């Protein structure tokens, strides 16, 4: 999801751990080791 420009794309179904990985890829969370 993005606000400027507005964009919302549904990608799929993930477990919580992999959803956090996607947050890292999206740049909303820092990568771990």
ModelCIF file with pLDDT and N, C-alpha, C, O atoms, coordinates in Angstrom:
data_MODEL
#
_entry.id   MODEL 
#
_entity.id                         1 
_entity.type                       polymer 
_entity.pdbx_number_of_molecules   1 
#
_entity_poly.entity_id                      1 
_entity_poly.type                           'polypeptide(L)' 
_entity_poly.nstd_linkage                   no 
_entity_poly.nstd_monomer                   no 
_entity_poly.pdbx_seq_one_letter_code       
;(UNK)(UNK)(UNK)(UNK)(UNK)(UNK)(UNK)(UNK)(UNK)(UNK)(UNK)(UNK)(UNK)(UNK)(UNK)(UNK)
(UNK)(UNK)(UNK)(UNK)(UNK)(UNK)(UNK)(UNK)(UNK)(UNK)(UNK)(UNK)(UNK)(UNK)(UNK)(UNK)
(UNK)
;
_entity_poly.pdbx_seq_one_letter_code_can   XXXXXXXXXXXXXXXXXXXXXXXXXXXXXXXXX 
_entity_poly.pdbx_strand_id                 A 
#
loop_
_entity_poly_seq.entity_id 
_entity_poly_seq.num 
_entity_poly_seq.mon_id 
_entity_poly_seq.hetero 
1 1  UNK n 
1 2  UNK n 
1 3  UNK n 
1 4  UNK n 
1 5  UNK n 
1 6  UNK n 
1 7  UNK n 
1 8  UNK n 
1 9  UNK n 
1 10 UNK n 
1 11 UNK n 
1 12 UNK n 
1 13 UNK n 
1 14 UNK n 
1 15 UNK n 
1 16 UNK n 
1 17 UNK n 
1 18 UNK n 
1 19 UNK n 
1 20 UNK n 
1 21 UNK n 
1 22 UNK n 
1 23 UNK n 
1 24 UNK n 
1 25 UNK n 
1 26 UNK n 
1 27 UNK n 
1 28 UNK n 
1 29 UNK n 
1 30 UNK n 
1 31 UNK n 
1 32 UNK n 
1 33 UNK n 
#
_struct_asym.id          A 
_struct_asym.entity_id   1 
#
loop_
_ma_qa_metric.id 
_ma_qa_metric.mode 
_ma_qa_metric.name 
_ma_qa_metric.software_group_id 
_ma_qa_metric.type 
1 global pLDDT . pLDDT 
2 local  pLDDT . pLDDT 
#
_ma_qa_metric_global.metric_id      1 
_ma_qa_metric_global.metric_value   90.27 
_ma_qa_metric_global.model_id       1 
_ma_qa_metric_global.ordinal_id     1 
#
loop_
_ma_qa_metric_local.label_asym_id 
_ma_qa_metric_local.label_comp_id 
_ma_qa_metric_local.label_seq_id 
_ma_qa_metric_local.metric_id 
_ma_qa_metric_local.metric_value 
_ma_qa_metric_local.model_id 
_ma_qa_metric_local.ordinal_id 
A UNK 1  2 90.00 1 1  
A UNK 2  2 86.00 1 2  
A UNK 3  2 82.00 1 3  
A UNK 4  2 77.00 1 4  
A UNK 5  2 80.00 1 5  
A UNK 6  2 84.00 1 6  
A UNK 7  2 86.00 1 7  
A UNK 8  2 89.00 1 8  
A UNK 9  2 91.00 1 9  
A UNK 10 2 93.00 1 10 
A UNK 11 2 94.00 1 11 
A UNK 12 2 94.00 1 12 
A UNK 13 2 95.00 1 13 
A UNK 14 2 95.00 1 14 
A UNK 15 2 92.00 1 15 
A UNK 16 2 91.00 1 16 
A UNK 17 2 90.00 1 17 
A UNK 18 2 93.00 1 18 
A UNK 19 2 93.00 1 19 
A UNK 20 2 93.00 1 20 
A UNK 21 2 94.00 1 21 
A UNK 22 2 95.00 1 22 
A UNK 23 2 94.00 1 23 
A UNK 24 2 93.00 1 24 
A UNK 25 2 93.00 1 25 
A UNK 26 2 93.00 1 26 
A UNK 27 2 91.00 1 27 
A UNK 28 2 91.00 1 28 
A UNK 29 2 91.00 1 29 
A UNK 30 2 90.00 1 30 
A UNK 31 2 89.00 1 31 
A UNK 32 2 88.00 1 32 
A UNK 33 2 89.00 1 33 
#
loop_
_atom_site.group_PDB 
_atom_site.id 
_atom_site.type_symbol 
_atom_site.label_atom_id 
_atom_site.label_alt_id 
_atom_site.label_comp_id 
_atom_site.label_asym_id 
_atom_site.label_entity_id 
_atom_site.label_seq_id 
_atom_site.pdbx_PDB_ins_code 
_atom_site.Cartn_x 
_atom_site.Cartn_y 
_atom_site.Cartn_z 
_atom_site.occupancy 
_atom_site.B_iso_or_equiv 
_atom_site.pdbx_formal_charge 
_atom_site.auth_seq_id 
_atom_site.auth_comp_id 
_atom_site.auth_asym_id 
_atom_site.auth_atom_id 
_atom_site.pdbx_PDB_model_num 
ATOM 1   N N  . UNK A 1 1  ? 0.830  -1.197  0.000  1.00 90.00 ? 1  UNK A N  1 
ATOM 2   C CA . UNK A 1 1  ? 0.000  0.000   0.000  1.00 90.00 ? 1  UNK A CA 1 
ATOM 3   C C  . UNK A 1 1  ? 0.865  1.247   0.000  1.00 90.00 ? 1  UNK A C  1 
ATOM 4   O O  . UNK A 1 1  ? 1.915  1.301   0.639  1.00 90.00 ? 1  UNK A O  1 
ATOM 5   N N  . UNK A 1 2  ? 0.400  2.239   -0.728 1.00 86.00 ? 2  UNK A N  1 
ATOM 6   C CA . UNK A 1 2  ? 1.072  3.526   -0.787 1.00 86.00 ? 2  UNK A CA 1 
ATOM 7   C C  . UNK A 1 2  ? 0.015  4.623   -0.853 1.00 86.00 ? 2  UNK A C  1 
ATOM 8   O O  . UNK A 1 2  ? -1.083 4.402   -1.364 1.00 86.00 ? 2  UNK A O  1 
ATOM 9   N N  . UNK A 1 3  ? 0.342  5.784   -0.345 1.00 82.00 ? 3  UNK A N  1 
ATOM 10  C CA . UNK A 1 3  ? -0.620 6.888   -0.394 1.00 82.00 ? 3  UNK A CA 1 
ATOM 11  C C  . UNK A 1 3  ? -0.347 7.870   -1.528 1.00 82.00 ? 3  UNK A C  1 
ATOM 12  O O  . UNK A 1 3  ? -1.283 8.480   -2.045 1.00 82.00 ? 3  UNK A O  1 
ATOM 13  N N  . UNK A 1 4  ? 0.907  8.037   -1.924 1.00 77.00 ? 4  UNK A N  1 
ATOM 14  C CA . UNK A 1 4  ? 1.239  8.986   -3.001 1.00 77.00 ? 4  UNK A CA 1 
ATOM 15  C C  . UNK A 1 4  ? 2.136  8.330   -4.019 1.00 77.00 ? 4  UNK A C  1 
ATOM 16  O O  . UNK A 1 4  ? 3.327  8.180   -3.744 1.00 77.00 ? 4  UNK A O  1 
ATOM 17  N N  . UNK A 1 5  ? 1.663  7.940   -5.145 1.00 80.00 ? 5  UNK A N  1 
ATOM 18  C CA . UNK A 1 5  ? 0.258  7.904   -5.541 1.00 80.00 ? 5  UNK A CA 1 
ATOM 19  C C  . UNK A 1 5  ? -0.439 6.775   -4.797 1.00 80.00 ? 5  UNK A C  1 
ATOM 20  O O  . UNK A 1 5  ? 0.201  5.828   -4.342 1.00 80.00 ? 5  UNK A O  1 
ATOM 21  N N  . UNK A 1 6  ? -1.769 6.887   -4.678 1.00 84.00 ? 6  UNK A N  1 
ATOM 22  C CA . UNK A 1 6  ? -2.506 5.849   -3.963 1.00 84.00 ? 6  UNK A CA 1 
ATOM 23  C C  . UNK A 1 6  ? -2.418 4.550   -4.751 1.00 84.00 ? 6  UNK A C  1 
ATOM 24  O O  . UNK A 1 6  ? -2.716 4.504   -5.945 1.00 84.00 ? 6  UNK A O  1 
ATOM 25  N N  . UNK A 1 7  ? -2.009 3.511   -4.065 1.00 86.00 ? 7  UNK A N  1 
ATOM 26  C CA . UNK A 1 7  ? -1.868 2.198   -4.693 1.00 86.00 ? 7  UNK A CA 1 
ATOM 27  C C  . UNK A 1 7  ? -2.074 1.151   -3.610 1.00 86.00 ? 7  UNK A C  1 
ATOM 28  O O  . UNK A 1 7  ? -1.469 1.227   -2.541 1.00 86.00 ? 7  UNK A O  1 
ATOM 29  N N  . UNK A 1 8  ? -2.916 0.188   -3.886 1.00 89.00 ? 8  UNK A N  1 
ATOM 30  C CA . UNK A 1 8  ? -3.140 -0.911  -2.945 1.00 89.00 ? 8  UNK A CA 1 
ATOM 31  C C  . UNK A 1 8  ? -3.239 -2.184  -3.771 1.00 89.00 ? 8  UNK A C  1 
ATOM 32  O O  . UNK A 1 8  ? -4.143 -2.339  -4.592 1.00 89.00 ? 8  UNK A O  1 
ATOM 33  N N  . UNK A 1 9  ? -2.295 -3.092  -3.543 1.00 91.00 ? 9  UNK A N  1 
ATOM 34  C CA . UNK A 1 9  ? -2.227 -4.345  -4.284 1.00 91.00 ? 9  UNK A CA 1 
ATOM 35  C C  . UNK A 1 9  ? -2.264 -5.497  -3.280 1.00 91.00 ? 9  UNK A C  1 
ATOM 36  O O  . UNK A 1 9  ? -1.455 -5.548  -2.354 1.00 91.00 ? 9  UNK A O  1 
ATOM 37  N N  . UNK A 1 10 ? -3.199 -6.409  -3.470 1.00 93.00 ? 10 UNK A N  1 
ATOM 38  C CA . UNK A 1 10 ? -3.258 -7.618  -2.646 1.00 93.00 ? 10 UNK A CA 1 
ATOM 39  C C  . UNK A 1 10 ? -2.320 -8.636  -3.290 1.00 93.00 ? 10 UNK A C  1 
ATOM 40  O O  . UNK A 1 10 ? -2.469 -8.970  -4.466 1.00 93.00 ? 10 UNK A O  1 
ATOM 41  N N  . UNK A 1 11 ? -1.346 -9.129  -2.507 1.00 94.00 ? 11 UNK A N  1 
ATOM 42  C CA . UNK A 1 11 ? -0.373 -10.062 -3.070 1.00 94.00 ? 11 UNK A CA 1 
ATOM 43  C C  . UNK A 1 11 ? -0.706 -11.511 -2.771 1.00 94.00 ? 11 UNK A C  1 
ATOM 44  O O  . UNK A 1 11 ? -0.568 -12.357 -3.654 1.00 94.00 ? 11 UNK A O  1 
ATOM 45  N N  . UNK A 1 12 ? -1.137 -11.828 -1.565 1.00 94.00 ? 12 UNK A N  1 
ATOM 46  C CA . UNK A 1 12 ? -1.378 -13.235 -1.258 1.00 94.00 ? 12 UNK A CA 1 
ATOM 47  C C  . UNK A 1 12 ? -1.671 -13.471 0.203  1.00 94.00 ? 12 UNK A C  1 
ATOM 48  O O  . UNK A 1 12 ? -2.051 -12.557 0.934  1.00 94.00 ? 12 UNK A O  1 
ATOM 49  N N  . UNK A 1 13 ? -1.486 -14.728 0.626  1.00 95.00 ? 13 UNK A N  1 
ATOM 50  C CA . UNK A 1 13 ? -1.747 -15.162 1.991  1.00 95.00 ? 13 UNK A CA 1 
ATOM 51  C C  . UNK A 1 13 ? -0.436 -15.656 2.599  1.00 95.00 ? 13 UNK A C  1 
ATOM 52  O O  . UNK A 1 13 ? 0.221  -16.540 2.047  1.00 95.00 ? 13 UNK A O  1 
ATOM 53  N N  . UNK A 1 14 ? -0.063 -15.075 3.743  1.00 95.00 ? 14 UNK A N  1 
ATOM 54  C CA . UNK A 1 14 ? 1.218  -15.392 4.373  1.00 95.00 ? 14 UNK A CA 1 
ATOM 55  C C  . UNK A 1 14 ? 1.058  -15.669 5.860  1.00 95.00 ? 14 UNK A C  1 
ATOM 56  O O  . UNK A 1 14 ? 0.090  -15.244 6.491  1.00 95.00 ? 14 UNK A O  1 
ATOM 57  N N  . UNK A 1 15 ? 2.037  -16.396 6.407  1.00 92.00 ? 15 UNK A N  1 
ATOM 58  C CA . UNK A 1 15 ? 2.117  -16.529 7.863  1.00 92.00 ? 15 UNK A CA 1 
ATOM 59  C C  . UNK A 1 15 ? 2.643  -15.198 8.414  1.00 92.00 ? 15 UNK A C  1 
ATOM 60  O O  . UNK A 1 15 ? 3.138  -14.369 7.651  1.00 92.00 ? 15 UNK A O  1 
ATOM 61  N N  . UNK A 1 16 ? 2.540  -14.991 9.713  1.00 91.00 ? 16 UNK A N  1 
ATOM 62  C CA . UNK A 1 16 ? 2.981  -13.732 10.315 1.00 91.00 ? 16 UNK A CA 1 
ATOM 63  C C  . UNK A 1 16 ? 4.464  -13.463 10.072 1.00 91.00 ? 16 UNK A C  1 
ATOM 64  O O  . UNK A 1 16 ? 4.857  -12.328 9.805  1.00 91.00 ? 16 UNK A O  1 
ATOM 65  N N  . UNK A 1 17 ? 5.290  -14.514 10.166 1.00 90.00 ? 17 UNK A N  1 
ATOM 66  C CA . UNK A 1 17 ? 6.735  -14.334 9.988  1.00 90.00 ? 17 UNK A CA 1 
ATOM 67  C C  . UNK A 1 17 ? 7.059  -13.849 8.573  1.00 90.00 ? 17 UNK A C  1 
ATOM 68  O O  . UNK A 1 17 ? 7.853  -12.924 8.401  1.00 90.00 ? 17 UNK A O  1 
ATOM 69  N N  . UNK A 1 18 ? 6.454  -14.463 7.573  1.00 93.00 ? 18 UNK A N  1 
ATOM 70  C CA . UNK A 1 18 ? 6.725  -14.060 6.181  1.00 93.00 ? 18 UNK A CA 1 
ATOM 71  C C  . UNK A 1 18 ? 6.093  -12.713 5.860  1.00 93.00 ? 18 UNK A C  1 
ATOM 72  O O  . UNK A 1 18 ? 6.600  -11.980 5.011  1.00 93.00 ? 18 UNK A O  1 
ATOM 73  N N  . UNK A 1 19 ? 4.993  -12.380 6.527  1.00 93.00 ? 19 UNK A N  1 
ATOM 74  C CA . UNK A 1 19 ? 4.402  -11.061 6.344  1.00 93.00 ? 19 UNK A CA 1 
ATOM 75  C C  . UNK A 1 19 ? 5.371  -9.988  6.841  1.00 93.00 ? 19 UNK A C  1 
ATOM 76  O O  . UNK A 1 19 ? 5.456  -8.907  6.257  1.00 93.00 ? 19 UNK A O  1 
ATOM 77  N N  . UNK A 1 20 ? 6.101  -10.286 7.919  1.00 93.00 ? 20 UNK A N  1 
ATOM 78  C CA . UNK A 1 20 ? 7.126  -9.355  8.416  1.00 93.00 ? 20 UNK A CA 1 
ATOM 79  C C  . UNK A 1 20 ? 8.275  -9.225  7.425  1.00 93.00 ? 20 UNK A C  1 
ATOM 80  O O  . UNK A 1 20 ? 8.839  -8.145  7.250  1.00 93.00 ? 20 UNK A O  1 
ATOM 81  N N  . UNK A 1 21 ? 8.614  -10.335 6.779  1.00 94.00 ? 21 UNK A N  1 
ATOM 82  C CA . UNK A 1 21 ? 9.666  -10.296 5.752  1.00 94.00 ? 21 UNK A CA 1 
ATOM 83  C C  . UNK A 1 21 ? 9.238  -9.356  4.616  1.00 94.00 ? 21 UNK A C  1 
ATOM 84  O O  . UNK A 1 21 ? 10.049 -8.581  4.109  1.00 94.00 ? 21 UNK A O  1 
ATOM 85  N N  . UNK A 1 22 ? 7.973  -9.427  4.225  1.00 95.00 ? 22 UNK A N  1 
ATOM 86  C CA . UNK A 1 22 ? 7.489  -8.549  3.153  1.00 95.00 ? 22 UNK A CA 1 
ATOM 87  C C  . UNK A 1 22 ? 7.498  -7.085  3.598  1.00 95.00 ? 22 UNK A C  1 
ATOM 88  O O  . UNK A 1 22 ? 7.686  -6.194  2.769  1.00 95.00 ? 22 UNK A O  1 
ATOM 89  N N  . UNK A 1 23 ? 7.299  -6.827  4.885  1.00 94.00 ? 23 UNK A N  1 
ATOM 90  C CA . UNK A 1 23 ? 7.403  -5.454  5.398  1.00 94.00 ? 23 UNK A CA 1 
ATOM 91  C C  . UNK A 1 23 ? 8.830  -4.943  5.229  1.00 94.00 ? 23 UNK A C  1 
ATOM 92  O O  . UNK A 1 23 ? 9.044  -3.763  4.949  1.00 94.00 ? 23 UNK A O  1 
ATOM 93  N N  . UNK A 1 24 ? 9.800  -5.831  5.399  1.00 93.00 ? 24 UNK A N  1 
ATOM 94  C CA . UNK A 1 24 ? 11.206 -5.454  5.185  1.00 93.00 ? 24 UNK A CA 1 
ATOM 95  C C  . UNK A 1 24 ? 11.442 -5.158  3.711  1.00 93.00 ? 24 UNK A C  1 
ATOM 96  O O  . UNK A 1 24 ? 12.085 -4.163  3.375  1.00 93.00 ? 24 UNK A O  1 
ATOM 97  N N  . UNK A 1 25 ? 10.933 -6.002  2.835  1.00 93.00 ? 25 UNK A N  1 
ATOM 98  C CA . UNK A 1 25 ? 11.089 -5.780  1.395  1.00 93.00 ? 25 UNK A CA 1 
ATOM 99  C C  . UNK A 1 25 ? 10.409 -4.473  0.983  1.00 93.00 ? 25 UNK A C  1 
ATOM 100 O O  . UNK A 1 25 ? 10.923 -3.742  0.136  1.00 93.00 ? 25 UNK A O  1 
ATOM 101 N N  . UNK A 1 26 ? 9.257  -4.183  1.584  1.00 93.00 ? 26 UNK A N  1 
ATOM 102 C CA . UNK A 1 26 ? 8.521  -2.964  1.254  1.00 93.00 ? 26 UNK A CA 1 
ATOM 103 C C  . UNK A 1 26 ? 9.175  -1.712  1.828  1.00 93.00 ? 26 UNK A C  1 
ATOM 104 O O  . UNK A 1 26 ? 8.811  -0.597  1.456  1.00 93.00 ? 26 UNK A O  1 
ATOM 105 N N  . UNK A 1 27 ? 10.136 -1.888  2.731  1.00 91.00 ? 27 UNK A N  1 
ATOM 106 C CA . UNK A 1 27 ? 10.834 -0.738  3.304  1.00 91.00 ? 27 UNK A CA 1 
ATOM 107 C C  . UNK A 1 27 ? 10.106 -0.112  4.482  1.00 91.00 ? 27 UNK A C  1 
ATOM 108 O O  . UNK A 1 27 ? 10.380 1.036   4.833  1.00 91.00 ? 27 UNK A O  1 
ATOM 109 N N  . UNK A 1 28 ? 9.187  -0.840  5.096  1.00 91.00 ? 28 UNK A N  1 
ATOM 110 C CA . UNK A 1 28 ? 8.490  -0.302  6.260  1.00 91.00 ? 28 UNK A CA 1 
ATOM 111 C C  . UNK A 1 28 ? 9.041  -0.872  7.563  1.00 91.00 ? 28 UNK A C  1 
ATOM 112 O O  . UNK A 1 28 ? 8.598  -0.502  8.650  1.00 91.00 ? 28 UNK A O  1 
ATOM 113 N N  . UNK A 1 29 ? 10.006 -1.773  7.443  1.00 91.00 ? 29 UNK A N  1 
ATOM 114 C CA . UNK A 1 29 ? 10.625 -2.405  8.609  1.00 91.00 ? 29 UNK A CA 1 
ATOM 115 C C  . UNK A 1 29 ? 12.076 -2.725  8.246  1.00 91.00 ? 29 UNK A C  1 
ATOM 116 O O  . UNK A 1 29 ? 12.380 -2.997  7.084  1.00 91.00 ? 29 UNK A O  1 
ATOM 117 N N  . UNK A 1 30 ? 12.969 -2.694  9.234  1.00 90.00 ? 30 UNK A N  1 
ATOM 118 C CA . UNK A 1 30 ? 14.387 -2.989  8.979  1.00 90.00 ? 30 UNK A CA 1 
ATOM 119 C C  . UNK A 1 30 ? 14.623 -4.493  8.879  1.00 90.00 ? 30 UNK A C  1 
ATOM 120 O O  . UNK A 1 30 ? 13.995 -5.285  9.582  1.00 90.00 ? 30 UNK A O  1 
ATOM 121 N N  . UNK A 1 31 ? 15.534 -4.865  7.999  1.00 89.00 ? 31 UNK A N  1 
ATOM 122 C CA . UNK A 1 31 ? 15.936 -6.269  7.853  1.00 89.00 ? 31 UNK A CA 1 
ATOM 123 C C  . UNK A 1 31 ? 16.719 -6.705  9.080  1.00 89.00 ? 31 UNK A C  1 
ATOM 124 O O  . UNK A 1 31 ? 17.421 -5.902  9.695  1.00 89.00 ? 31 UNK A O  1 
ATOM 125 N N  . UNK A 1 32 ? 16.598 -7.965  9.430  1.00 88.00 ? 32 UNK A N  1 
ATOM 126 C CA . UNK A 1 32 ? 17.361 -8.554  10.520 1.00 88.00 ? 32 UNK A CA 1 
ATOM 127 C C  . UNK A 1 32 ? 18.577 -9.278  9.965  1.00 88.00 ? 32 UNK A C  1 
ATOM 128 O O  . UNK A 1 32 ? 18.934 -9.089  8.802  1.00 88.00 ? 32 UNK A O  1 
ATOM 129 N N  . UNK A 1 33 ? 19.218 -10.108 10.788 1.00 89.00 ? 33 UNK A N  1 
ATOM 130 C CA . UNK A 1 33 ? 20.448 -10.784 10.373 1.00 89.00 ? 33 UNK A CA 1 
ATOM 131 C C  . UNK A 1 33 ? 20.235 -11.856 9.300  1.00 89.00 ? 33 UNK A C  1 
ATOM 132 O O  . UNK A 1 33 ? 21.193 -12.496 8.867  1.00 89.00 ? 33 UNK A O  1 
#
